[in-house]
Amino acid sequence: MHVEAEAGATVASRPNIGPHERLLWSNPSIALGSFDSSPDDEDFETAGEIGDRPAIAFSRTAVGIAHAKRSPVVSDGTVAVLHNPRYPYRRFRVDARGDHSEWLSIDAELLLGMNRRLGNDPRRPFAASTAPLGRRAAALLRLVVRHLRDWSPPDPLWVEETLFEIVSALGPHGDTPKRPRASARHDRFAHRIREILASRSEHPWSVTSIAKVMESSPFHACRVFRSRTGYTLHGYLTEQRLRRALTRLEDGDGQDLREIAVRLGFASHSHFTAHFRSAFGITPSEFRGRATPAAVRELAGRLRPA
């Protein structure tokens, strides 16, 4: 996630773009790009070197990220992954499709001016590997990406302001401190459930089937997962389906809403619409509309507050 100059752009505004990356938009303070890599790629584990500015990654598919000297995390759409400048990391496969995500590269002083909750050292501004990504922020990111893809020229003031809102909304998460052996075991247990559900969110899971995969009792699976993630099993699975819905609706691949609902694992079109409206404050068909400057501003204003 570092940058080379293109015609009409200043070097300061552009991070160097790696072989799996594409720059979507930039100015001297902040840049937005995408990353797409298959597990079959030889450099899958190490691609996407972090440059001189801190970077924030937002996954469209679940992927594992392990920063040096930190416990691995699952980037699953419910969290943003925080990368300090030049800090090494490796990725590992969770979803069979690989790593498909967007990233922000941002000036460190600007970042800390917007969100001191994430850290306070410009040389290493992030104190943790992840921060929770709220529903509104996740939806705003998808609107920005669609607007940049579908409309030329984009509305630069709205894009920049919206990216700043996304960064400002990220809350502190904190890496798990050293715990007794039993607690560390529970952390790994919850991490494994997160990998399984994030990689197969459309599967008709039950508590019993999850517990069977984990070789535990249903009660133990429910209790440990909730204590370590803050989600019930059902709540986490629903959240995964909602985050995937944002991307599916953005893709514009010709699928009707009924087909999307079934593929995501919802019981029906009406069930999908009800959950989506409750989560985001708008219907799937409204979110899917044309990403004109006026439309994205209007939708952003109607999204459910954080």
C-alpha atoms as a PDB file:
ATOM      1  CA  MET A   1       0.000   0.000   0.000  1.00  0.00           C
ATOM      2  CA  HIS A   2       2.557   2.479  -1.132  1.00  0.00           C
ATOM      3  CA  VAL A   3       2.363   4.903  -4.308  1.00  0.00           C
ATOM      4  CA  GLU A   4       3.893   6.039  -7.614  1.00  0.00           C
ATOM      5  CA  ALA A   5       2.882   9.234  -9.375  1.00  0.00           C
ATOM      6  CA  GLU A   6       0.386   9.233 -12.206  1.00  0.00           C
ATOM      7  CA  ALA A   7      -0.242  12.065 -14.633  1.00  0.00           C
ATOM      8  CA  GLY A   8      -1.969  14.939 -12.853  1.00  0.00           C
ATOM      9  CA  ALA A   9      -1.234  13.709  -9.311  1.00  0.00           C
ATOM     10  CA  THR A  10       1.424  14.876  -6.915  1.00  0.00           C
ATOM     11  CA  VAL A  11       3.812  12.265  -5.525  1.00  0.00           C
ATOM     12  CA  ALA A  12       2.811  13.233  -1.981  1.00  0.00           C
ATOM     13  CA  SER A  13      -0.814  12.321  -2.735  1.00  0.00           C
ATOM     14  CA  ARG A  14      -0.068   8.795  -3.933  1.00  0.00           C
ATOM     15  CA  PRO A  15       0.993   5.661  -2.049  1.00  0.00           C
ATOM     16  CA  ASN A  16       3.155   3.041  -4.191  1.00  0.00           C
ATOM     17  CA  ILE A  17       0.744   0.556  -5.770  1.00  0.00           C
ATOM     18  CA  GLY A  18       1.595  -3.135  -5.538  1.00  0.00           C
ATOM     19  CA  PRO A  19       0.767  -5.826  -8.109  1.00  0.00           C
ATOM     20  CA  HIS A  20      -2.596  -6.717  -6.539  1.00  0.00           C
ATOM     21  CA  GLU A  21      -3.665  -3.142  -5.838  1.00  0.00           C
ATOM     22  CA  ARG A  22      -5.532  -0.384  -7.605  1.00  0.00           C
ATOM     23  CA  LEU A  23      -5.703   3.248  -6.552  1.00  0.00           C
ATOM     24  CA  LEU A  24      -9.296   4.459  -6.566  1.00  0.00           C
ATOM     25  CA  TRP A  25      -8.893   8.052  -5.360  1.00  0.00           C
ATOM     26  CA  SER A  26      -6.302  10.241  -3.626  1.00  0.00           C
ATOM     27  CA  ASN A  27      -5.298  13.697  -2.522  1.00  0.00           C
ATOM     28  CA  PRO A  28      -2.203  14.761  -0.526  1.00  0.00           C
ATOM     29  CA  SER A  29      -3.746  13.668   2.797  1.00  0.00           C
ATOM     30  CA  ILE A  30      -5.604  10.441   2.141  1.00  0.00           C
ATOM     31  CA  ALA A  31      -5.796   7.724  -0.506  1.00  0.00           C
ATOM     32  CA  LEU A  32      -8.330   4.960  -1.133  1.00  0.00           C
ATOM     33  CA  GLY A  33      -7.391   1.788  -2.972  1.00  0.00           C
ATOM     34  CA  SER A  34      -8.444  -1.816  -3.478  1.00  0.00           C
ATOM     35  CA  PHE A  35      -6.572  -5.092  -3.008  1.00  0.00           C
ATOM     36  CA  ASP A  36      -7.442  -8.406  -4.673  1.00  0.00           C
ATOM     37  CA  SER A  37      -5.413 -11.594  -4.297  1.00  0.00           C
ATOM     38  CA  SER A  38      -6.199 -15.298  -4.654  1.00  0.00           C
ATOM     39  CA  PRO A  39      -4.753 -17.923  -2.287  1.00  0.00           C
ATOM     40  CA  ASP A  40      -3.146 -19.424  -5.394  1.00  0.00           C
ATOM     41  CA  ASP A  41      -0.947 -16.344  -5.866  1.00  0.00           C
ATOM     42  CA  GLU A  42       2.670 -17.064  -4.910  1.00  0.00           C
ATOM     43  CA  ASP A  43       2.876 -13.856  -2.871  1.00  0.00           C
ATOM     44  CA  PHE A  44      -0.536 -14.227  -1.202  1.00  0.00           C
ATOM     45  CA  GLU A  45       0.910 -14.248   2.324  1.00  0.00           C
ATOM     46  CA  THR A  46       3.125 -11.189   1.938  1.00  0.00           C
ATOM     47  CA  ALA A  47       1.640  -8.962  -0.821  1.00  0.00           C
ATOM     48  CA  GLY A  48       0.577  -5.424   0.090  1.00  0.00           C
ATOM     49  CA  GLU A  49       3.606  -3.970   1.834  1.00  0.00           C
ATOM     50  CA  ILE A  50       2.731  -1.047   4.117  1.00  0.00           C
ATOM     51  CA  GLY A  51       4.473   2.195   3.116  1.00  0.00           C
ATOM     52  CA  ASP A  52       5.439   5.311   5.056  1.00  0.00           C
ATOM     53  CA  ARG A  53       1.910   6.187   6.126  1.00  0.00           C
ATOM     54  CA  PRO A  54      -0.487   4.235   8.359  1.00  0.00           C
ATOM     55  CA  ALA A  55      -3.055   2.165   6.488  1.00  0.00           C
ATOM     56  CA  ILE A  56      -6.528   0.836   7.332  1.00  0.00           C
ATOM     57  CA  ALA A  57      -7.947  -2.213   5.531  1.00  0.00           C
ATOM     58  CA  PHE A  58     -11.639  -3.104   5.104  1.00  0.00           C
ATOM     59  CA  SER A  59     -12.284  -6.664   3.927  1.00  0.00           C
ATOM     60  CA  ARG A  60     -14.974  -7.828   1.490  1.00  0.00           C
ATOM     61  CA  THR A  61     -13.980 -11.470   2.103  1.00  0.00           C
ATOM     62  CA  ALA A  62     -12.777 -12.950   5.361  1.00  0.00           C
ATOM     63  CA  VAL A  63      -8.994 -13.211   5.674  1.00  0.00           C
ATOM     64  CA  GLY A  64      -6.551 -13.795   8.521  1.00  0.00           C
ATOM     65  CA  ILE A  65      -3.968 -11.132   9.352  1.00  0.00           C
ATOM     66  CA  ALA A  66      -1.019 -11.637  11.701  1.00  0.00           C
ATOM     67  CA  HIS A  67       1.096  -8.605  12.602  1.00  0.00           C
ATOM     68  CA  ALA A  68       4.585  -9.266  13.896  1.00  0.00           C
ATOM     69  CA  LYS A  69       4.578  -9.927  17.657  1.00  0.00           C
ATOM     70  CA  ARG A  70       0.772  -9.825  17.849  1.00  0.00           C
ATOM     71  CA  SER A  71      -1.944 -12.470  17.906  1.00  0.00           C
ATOM     72  CA  PRO A  72      -3.607 -13.181  14.533  1.00  0.00           C
ATOM     73  CA  VAL A  73      -6.998 -11.618  13.802  1.00  0.00           C
ATOM     74  CA  VAL A  74      -9.815 -12.379  11.362  1.00  0.00           C
ATOM     75  CA  SER A  75     -10.641  -9.459   9.078  1.00  0.00           C
ATOM     76  CA  ASP A  76     -14.281 -10.271   8.402  1.00  0.00           C
ATOM     77  CA  GLY A  77     -16.075  -7.027   7.579  1.00  0.00           C
ATOM     78  CA  THR A  78     -17.013  -6.294  11.194  1.00  0.00           C
ATOM     79  CA  VAL A  79     -13.556  -4.894  11.975  1.00  0.00           C
ATOM     80  CA  ALA A  80     -11.046  -2.647  10.243  1.00  0.00           C
ATOM     81  CA  VAL A  81      -7.436  -3.864  10.279  1.00  0.00           C
ATOM     82  CA  LEU A  82      -4.949  -1.221  11.398  1.00  0.00           C
ATOM     83  CA  HIS A  83      -1.442  -1.208   9.905  1.00  0.00           C
ATOM     84  CA  ASN A  84       1.333   0.951  11.327  1.00  0.00           C
ATOM     85  CA  PRO A  85       3.843   2.405   8.825  1.00  0.00           C
ATOM     86  CA  ARG A  86       6.360  -0.164   7.540  1.00  0.00           C
ATOM     87  CA  TYR A  87       5.150  -2.712  10.102  1.00  0.00           C
ATOM     88  CA  PRO A  88       5.418  -6.319   8.815  1.00  0.00           C
ATOM     89  CA  TYR A  89       2.483  -8.689   8.653  1.00  0.00           C
ATOM     90  CA  ARG A  90       1.338 -11.888   6.946  1.00  0.00           C
ATOM     91  CA  ARG A  91      -2.062 -12.995   5.731  1.00  0.00           C
ATOM     92  CA  PHE A  92      -3.547 -16.475   5.808  1.00  0.00           C
ATOM     93  CA  ARG A  93      -6.545 -17.944   4.028  1.00  0.00           C
ATOM     94  CA  VAL A  94      -9.949 -17.995   5.687  1.00  0.00           C
ATOM     95  CA  ASP A  95     -12.266 -17.593   2.695  1.00  0.00           C
ATOM     96  CA  ALA A  96     -11.471 -19.779  -0.329  1.00  0.00           C
ATOM     97  CA  ARG A  97     -11.728 -16.688  -2.552  1.00  0.00           C
ATOM     98  CA  GLY A  98      -8.720 -15.081  -0.879  1.00  0.00           C
ATOM     99  CA  ASP A  99      -8.299 -11.452   0.185  1.00  0.00           C
ATOM    100  CA  HIS A 100     -10.517  -8.841  -1.460  1.00  0.00           C
ATOM    101  CA  SER A 101     -10.583  -5.528   0.341  1.00  0.00           C
ATOM    102  CA  GLU A 102     -10.302  -1.741   0.255  1.00  0.00           C
ATOM    103  CA  TRP A 103      -7.641   0.240   2.084  1.00  0.00           C
ATOM    104  CA  LEU A 104      -7.022   3.795   3.221  1.00  0.00           C
ATOM    105  CA  SER A 105      -3.563   5.322   3.446  1.00  0.00           C
ATOM    106  CA  ILE A 106      -3.613   8.474   5.551  1.00  0.00           C
ATOM    107  CA  ASP A 107      -1.240  11.084   6.916  1.00  0.00           C
ATOM    108  CA  ALA A 108      -0.367  10.106  10.504  1.00  0.00           C
ATOM    109  CA  GLU A 109      -0.779  13.561  12.038  1.00  0.00           C
ATOM    110  CA  LEU A 110      -4.147  13.975  10.343  1.00  0.00           C
ATOM    111  CA  LEU A 111      -5.212  10.535  11.555  1.00  0.00           C
ATOM    112  CA  LEU A 112      -4.394  11.309  15.178  1.00  0.00           C
ATOM    113  CA  GLY A 113      -6.068  14.690  14.911  1.00  0.00           C
ATOM    114  CA  MET A 114      -9.280  12.945  13.840  1.00  0.00           C
ATOM    115  CA  ASN A 115      -9.234   9.938  16.148  1.00  0.00           C
ATOM    116  CA  ARG A 116      -7.050   9.876  19.250  1.00  0.00           C
ATOM    117  CA  ARG A 117      -8.864   6.769  20.463  1.00  0.00           C
ATOM    118  CA  LEU A 118      -6.760   4.605  18.143  1.00  0.00           C
ATOM    119  CA  GLY A 119      -3.369   5.747  19.495  1.00  0.00           C
ATOM    120  CA  ASN A 120      -1.181   8.795  20.024  1.00  0.00           C
ATOM    121  CA  ASP A 121       2.276   8.198  18.501  1.00  0.00           C
ATOM    122  CA  PRO A 122       2.668   9.476  14.895  1.00  0.00           C
ATOM    123  CA  ARG A 123       5.484   6.958  14.288  1.00  0.00           C
ATOM    124  CA  ARG A 124       3.228   4.084  15.339  1.00  0.00           C
ATOM    125  CA  PRO A 125      -0.273   5.537  15.591  1.00  0.00           C
ATOM    126  CA  PHE A 126      -2.211   2.300  16.057  1.00  0.00           C
ATOM    127  CA  ALA A 127      -2.090   0.665  19.467  1.00  0.00           C
ATOM    128  CA  ALA A 128      -4.019  -2.418  18.287  1.00  0.00           C
ATOM    129  CA  SER A 129      -4.398  -4.591  15.200  1.00  0.00           C
ATOM    130  CA  THR A 130      -8.129  -3.997  14.714  1.00  0.00           C
ATOM    131  CA  ALA A 131     -10.945  -1.587  15.480  1.00  0.00           C
ATOM    132  CA  PRO A 132     -14.693  -2.325  15.289  1.00  0.00           C
ATOM    133  CA  LEU A 133     -16.268  -1.219  12.008  1.00  0.00           C
ATOM    134  CA  GLY A 134     -19.820  -0.038  12.605  1.00  0.00           C
ATOM    135  CA  ARG A 135     -22.652  -0.641  10.169  1.00  0.00           C
ATOM    136  CA  ARG A 136     -22.902   2.995   9.091  1.00  0.00           C
ATOM    137  CA  ALA A 137     -19.164   3.227   8.401  1.00  0.00           C
ATOM    138  CA  ALA A 138     -19.247  -0.051   6.432  1.00  0.00           C
ATOM    139  CA  ALA A 139     -22.153   1.184   4.306  1.00  0.00           C
ATOM    140  CA  LEU A 140     -20.513   4.577   3.732  1.00  0.00           C
ATOM    141  CA  LEU A 141     -17.366   2.889   2.450  1.00  0.00           C
ATOM    142  CA  ARG A 142     -19.385   0.883  -0.077  1.00  0.00           C
ATOM    143  CA  LEU A 143     -21.160   4.057  -1.231  1.00  0.00           C
ATOM    144  CA  VAL A 144     -17.821   5.806  -1.779  1.00  0.00           C
ATOM    145  CA  VAL A 145     -16.446   2.887  -3.790  1.00  0.00           C
ATOM    146  CA  ARG A 146     -19.582   2.683  -5.937  1.00  0.00           C
ATOM    147  CA  HIS A 147     -19.602   6.424  -6.533  1.00  0.00           C
ATOM    148  CA  LEU A 148     -15.954   6.388  -7.648  1.00  0.00           C
ATOM    149  CA  ARG A 149     -16.594   3.415  -9.911  1.00  0.00           C
ATOM    150  CA  ASP A 150     -19.866   4.558 -11.475  1.00  0.00           C
ATOM    151  CA  TRP A 151     -19.597   8.342 -11.749  1.00  0.00           C
ATOM    152  CA  SER A 152     -17.030  10.558 -13.470  1.00  0.00           C
ATOM    153  CA  PRO A 153     -15.981  13.001 -12.302  1.00  0.00           C
ATOM    154  CA  PRO A 154     -16.771  12.086  -8.677  1.00  0.00           C
ATOM    155  CA  ASP A 155     -17.696  14.595  -5.997  1.00  0.00           C
ATOM    156  CA  PRO A 156     -14.250  15.067  -4.362  1.00  0.00           C
ATOM    157  CA  LEU A 157     -15.464  17.071  -1.366  1.00  0.00           C
ATOM    158  CA  TRP A 158     -18.090  14.435  -0.476  1.00  0.00           C
ATOM    159  CA  VAL A 159     -15.594  11.583  -0.984  1.00  0.00           C
ATOM    160  CA  GLU A 160     -12.966  13.162   1.245  1.00  0.00           C
ATOM    161  CA  GLU A 161     -15.441  14.185   3.934  1.00  0.00           C
ATOM    162  CA  THR A 162     -16.983  10.696   3.973  1.00  0.00           C
ATOM    163  CA  LEU A 163     -13.604   8.968   4.245  1.00  0.00           C
ATOM    164  CA  PHE A 164     -12.801  11.237   7.184  1.00  0.00           C
ATOM    165  CA  GLU A 165     -16.107  10.269   8.831  1.00  0.00           C
ATOM    166  CA  ILE A 166     -15.262   6.571   8.439  1.00  0.00           C
ATOM    167  CA  VAL A 167     -11.850   7.042  10.061  1.00  0.00           C
ATOM    168  CA  SER A 168     -13.292   9.181  12.867  1.00  0.00           C
ATOM    169  CA  ALA A 169     -15.940   6.539  13.636  1.00  0.00           C
ATOM    170  CA  LEU A 170     -13.479   3.715  14.283  1.00  0.00           C
ATOM    171  CA  GLY A 171     -13.513   2.861  17.963  1.00  0.00           C
ATOM    172  CA  PRO A 172     -10.750   1.488  20.150  1.00  0.00           C
ATOM    173  CA  HIS A 173     -10.502  -2.274  20.258  1.00  0.00           C
ATOM    174  CA  GLY A 174      -7.243  -3.097  21.967  1.00  0.00           C
ATOM    175  CA  ASP A 175      -5.200  -6.239  21.612  1.00  0.00           C
ATOM    176  CA  THR A 176      -6.021  -8.852  24.197  1.00  0.00           C
ATOM    177  CA  PRO A 177      -3.601  -8.573  27.134  1.00  0.00           C
ATOM    178  CA  LYS A 178      -1.807 -11.625  28.410  1.00  0.00           C
ATOM    179  CA  ARG A 179      -4.310 -13.852  30.152  1.00  0.00           C
ATOM    180  CA  PRO A 180      -4.321 -17.085  32.100  1.00  0.00           C
ATOM    181  CA  ARG A 181      -3.951 -20.219  30.015  1.00  0.00           C
ATOM    182  CA  ALA A 182      -7.694 -20.988  30.127  1.00  0.00           C
ATOM    183  CA  SER A 183      -8.557 -17.521  28.813  1.00  0.00           C
ATOM    184  CA  ALA A 184      -6.009 -17.782  26.014  1.00  0.00           C
ATOM    185  CA  ARG A 185      -7.549 -21.115  25.092  1.00  0.00           C
ATOM    186  CA  HIS A 186     -10.977 -19.467  24.947  1.00  0.00           C
ATOM    187  CA  ASP A 187      -9.593 -16.714  22.712  1.00  0.00           C
ATOM    188  CA  ARG A 188      -8.323 -19.310  20.239  1.00  0.00           C
ATOM    189  CA  PHE A 189     -11.644 -21.144  20.444  1.00  0.00           C
ATOM    190  CA  ALA A 190     -13.633 -17.986  19.587  1.00  0.00           C
ATOM    191  CA  HIS A 191     -11.125 -17.092  16.867  1.00  0.00           C
ATOM    192  CA  ARG A 192     -11.686 -20.469  15.208  1.00  0.00           C
ATOM    193  CA  ILE A 193     -15.487 -20.092  15.300  1.00  0.00           C
ATOM    194  CA  ARG A 194     -15.088 -16.646  13.749  1.00  0.00           C
ATOM    195  CA  GLU A 195     -13.025 -18.149  10.909  1.00  0.00           C
ATOM    196  CA  ILE A 196     -15.601 -20.883  10.270  1.00  0.00           C
ATOM    197  CA  LEU A 197     -18.673 -18.625  10.265  1.00  0.00           C
ATOM    198  CA  ALA A 198     -17.024 -15.795   8.301  1.00  0.00           C
ATOM    199  CA  SER A 199     -15.888 -18.193   5.570  1.00  0.00           C
ATOM    200  CA  ARG A 200     -19.292 -19.909   5.228  1.00  0.00           C
ATOM    201  CA  SER A 201     -21.883 -17.362   6.373  1.00  0.00           C
ATOM    202  CA  GLU A 202     -24.463 -18.615   3.850  1.00  0.00           C
ATOM    203  CA  HIS A 203     -24.437 -22.130   5.362  1.00  0.00           C
ATOM    204  CA  PRO A 204     -27.558 -23.065   7.433  1.00  0.00           C
ATOM    205  CA  TRP A 205     -25.660 -23.298  10.707  1.00  0.00           C
ATOM    206  CA  SER A 206     -27.177 -24.397  14.001  1.00  0.00           C
ATOM    207  CA  VAL A 207     -25.639 -24.180  17.457  1.00  0.00           C
ATOM    208  CA  THR A 208     -25.347 -27.959  17.442  1.00  0.00           C
ATOM    209  CA  SER A 209     -23.533 -28.071  14.097  1.00  0.00           C
ATOM    210  CA  ILE A 210     -21.104 -25.327  15.181  1.00  0.00           C
ATOM    211  CA  ALA A 211     -20.408 -27.154  18.436  1.00  0.00           C
ATOM    212  CA  LYS A 212     -19.852 -30.407  16.547  1.00  0.00           C
ATOM    213  CA  VAL A 213     -17.230 -28.798  14.287  1.00  0.00           C
ATOM    214  CA  MET A 214     -15.553 -27.346  17.377  1.00  0.00           C
ATOM    215  CA  GLU A 215     -15.842 -30.646  19.306  1.00  0.00           C
ATOM    216  CA  SER A 216     -17.453 -28.881  22.245  1.00  0.00           C
ATOM    217  CA  SER A 217     -20.822 -28.659  23.926  1.00  0.00           C
ATOM    218  CA  PRO A 218     -23.387 -26.207  22.470  1.00  0.00           C
ATOM    219  CA  PHE A 219     -23.493 -24.317  25.775  1.00  0.00           C
ATOM    220  CA  HIS A 220     -19.704 -23.912  25.833  1.00  0.00           C
ATOM    221  CA  ALA A 221     -19.642 -22.659  22.220  1.00  0.00           C
ATOM    222  CA  CYS A 222     -22.344 -20.061  22.916  1.00  0.00           C
ATOM    223  CA  ARG A 223     -20.859 -18.851  26.194  1.00  0.00           C
ATOM    224  CA  VAL A 224     -17.234 -18.563  25.091  1.00  0.00           C
ATOM    225  CA  PHE A 225     -17.985 -16.936  21.731  1.00  0.00           C
ATOM    226  CA  ARG A 226     -20.185 -14.272  23.297  1.00  0.00           C
ATOM    227  CA  SER A 227     -17.745 -13.556  26.106  1.00  0.00           C
ATOM    228  CA  ARG A 228     -14.830 -13.116  23.674  1.00  0.00           C
ATOM    229  CA  THR A 229     -16.535 -11.277  20.776  1.00  0.00           C
ATOM    230  CA  GLY A 230     -19.605  -9.550  22.208  1.00  0.00           C
ATOM    231  CA  TYR A 231     -21.757 -11.351  19.618  1.00  0.00           C
ATOM    232  CA  THR A 232     -24.167 -14.240  19.996  1.00  0.00           C
ATOM    233  CA  LEU A 233     -23.590 -16.913  17.343  1.00  0.00           C
ATOM    234  CA  HIS A 234     -26.815 -15.892  15.612  1.00  0.00           C
ATOM    235  CA  GLY A 235     -25.955 -12.191  15.852  1.00  0.00           C
ATOM    236  CA  TYR A 236     -22.514 -12.684  14.349  1.00  0.00           C
ATOM    237  CA  LEU A 237     -23.838 -14.795  11.475  1.00  0.00           C
ATOM    238  CA  THR A 238     -26.514 -12.190  10.706  1.00  0.00           C
ATOM    239  CA  GLU A 239     -23.880  -9.444  10.791  1.00  0.00           C
ATOM    240  CA  GLN A 240     -21.731 -11.370   8.327  1.00  0.00           C
ATOM    241  CA  ARG A 241     -24.656 -11.739   5.938  1.00  0.00           C
ATOM    242  CA  LEU A 242     -25.492  -8.032   6.194  1.00  0.00           C
ATOM    243  CA  ARG A 243     -21.892  -6.970   5.459  1.00  0.00           C
ATOM    244  CA  ARG A 244     -21.796  -9.302   2.458  1.00  0.00           C
ATOM    245  CA  ALA A 245     -25.102  -7.848   1.303  1.00  0.00           C
ATOM    246  CA  LEU A 246     -23.472  -4.411   1.005  1.00  0.00           C
ATOM    247  CA  THR A 247     -20.925  -5.825  -1.443  1.00  0.00           C
ATOM    248  CA  ARG A 248     -23.419  -7.989  -3.348  1.00  0.00           C
ATOM    249  CA  LEU A 249     -25.724  -5.022  -3.868  1.00  0.00           C
ATOM    250  CA  GLU A 250     -22.796  -2.921  -5.025  1.00  0.00           C
ATOM    251  CA  ASP A 251     -21.589  -5.435  -7.598  1.00  0.00           C
ATOM    252  CA  GLY A 252     -24.470  -4.852 -10.003  1.00  0.00           C
ATOM    253  CA  ASP A 253     -24.160  -8.396 -11.360  1.00  0.00           C
ATOM    254  CA  GLY A 254     -27.766  -8.619 -12.511  1.00  0.00           C
ATOM    255  CA  GLN A 255     -29.030 -10.764  -9.642  1.00  0.00           C
ATOM    256  CA  ASP A 256     -32.477  -9.861  -8.372  1.00  0.00           C
ATOM    257  CA  LEU A 257     -32.974  -9.280  -4.670  1.00  0.00           C
ATOM    258  CA  ARG A 258     -34.642 -12.649  -4.111  1.00  0.00           C
ATOM    259  CA  GLU A 259     -31.607 -14.456  -5.500  1.00  0.00           C
ATOM    260  CA  ILE A 260     -29.234 -12.337  -3.421  1.00  0.00           C
ATOM    261  CA  ALA A 261     -31.270 -13.056  -0.281  1.00  0.00           C
ATOM    262  CA  VAL A 262     -31.137 -16.819  -0.852  1.00  0.00           C
ATOM    263  CA  ARG A 263     -27.416 -16.821  -1.643  1.00  0.00           C
ATOM    264  CA  LEU A 264     -26.652 -14.856   1.508  1.00  0.00           C
ATOM    265  CA  GLY A 265     -28.566 -17.380   3.638  1.00  0.00           C
ATOM    266  CA  PHE A 266     -31.673 -15.348   4.490  1.00  0.00           C
ATOM    267  CA  ALA A 267     -34.956 -17.239   4.670  1.00  0.00           C
ATOM    268  CA  SER A 268     -36.711 -15.035   2.101  1.00  0.00           C
ATOM    269  CA  HIS A 269     -36.615 -11.716   0.254  1.00  0.00           C
ATOM    270  CA  SER A 270     -38.835 -10.103   2.915  1.00  0.00           C
ATOM    271  CA  HIS A 271     -36.636 -11.475   5.707  1.00  0.00           C
ATOM    272  CA  PHE A 272     -33.557  -9.994   4.011  1.00  0.00           C
ATOM    273  CA  THR A 273     -35.248  -6.620   3.437  1.00  0.00           C
ATOM    274  CA  ALA A 274     -36.438  -6.400   7.044  1.00  0.00           C
ATOM    275  CA  HIS A 275     -32.974  -7.140   8.455  1.00  0.00           C
ATOM    276  CA  PHE A 276     -31.267  -4.734   6.040  1.00  0.00           C
ATOM    277  CA  ARG A 277     -33.700  -1.884   6.777  1.00  0.00           C
ATOM    278  CA  SER A 278     -33.369  -2.459  10.514  1.00  0.00           C
ATOM    279  CA  ALA A 279     -29.552  -2.397  10.281  1.00  0.00           C
ATOM    280  CA  PHE A 280     -29.016   0.496   7.868  1.00  0.00           C
ATOM    281  CA  GLY A 281     -32.234   2.520   7.814  1.00  0.00           C
ATOM    282  CA  ILE A 282     -32.821   2.014   4.077  1.00  0.00           C
ATOM    283  CA  THR A 283     -33.986  -0.892   1.911  1.00  0.00           C
ATOM    284  CA  PRO A 284     -31.669  -3.018  -0.266  1.00  0.00           C
ATOM    285  CA  SER A 285     -33.249  -1.623  -3.453  1.00  0.00           C
ATOM    286  CA  GLU A 286     -32.646   1.949  -2.265  1.00  0.00           C
ATOM    287  CA  PHE A 287     -29.026   1.182  -1.443  1.00  0.00           C
ATOM    288  CA  ARG A 288     -28.567  -0.409  -4.851  1.00  0.00           C
ATOM    289  CA  GLY A 289     -29.627   2.715  -6.760  1.00  0.00           C
ATOM    290  CA  ARG A 290     -27.439   4.697  -9.134  1.00  0.00           C
ATOM    291  CA  ALA A 291     -24.442   6.291  -7.377  1.00  0.00           C
ATOM    292  CA  THR A 292     -24.798   9.845  -8.676  1.00  0.00           C
ATOM    293  CA  PRO A 293     -23.384  12.663  -6.515  1.00  0.00           C
ATOM    294  CA  ALA A 294     -26.873  13.662  -5.373  1.00  0.00           C
ATOM    295  CA  ALA A 295     -27.954  10.060  -4.730  1.00  0.00           C
ATOM    296  CA  VAL A 296     -24.970   9.078  -2.567  1.00  0.00           C
ATOM    297  CA  ARG A 297     -25.270  12.261  -0.511  1.00  0.00           C
ATOM    298  CA  GLU A 298     -28.965  11.575   0.019  1.00  0.00           C
ATOM    299  CA  LEU A 299     -28.396   7.918   0.951  1.00  0.00           C
ATOM    300  CA  ALA A 300     -25.565   8.814   3.331  1.00  0.00           C
ATOM    301  CA  GLY A 301     -27.890  11.241   5.080  1.00  0.00           C
ATOM    302  CA  ARG A 302     -30.535   8.528   5.480  1.00  0.00           C
ATOM    303  CA  LEU A 303     -28.246   5.784   6.786  1.00  0.00           C
ATOM    304  CA  ARG A 304     -28.918   4.859  10.375  1.00  0.00           C
ATOM    305  CA  PRO A 305     -26.683   6.928  12.698  1.00  0.00           C
ATOM    306  CA  ALA A 306     -23.667   5.196  14.224  1.00  0.00           C
END
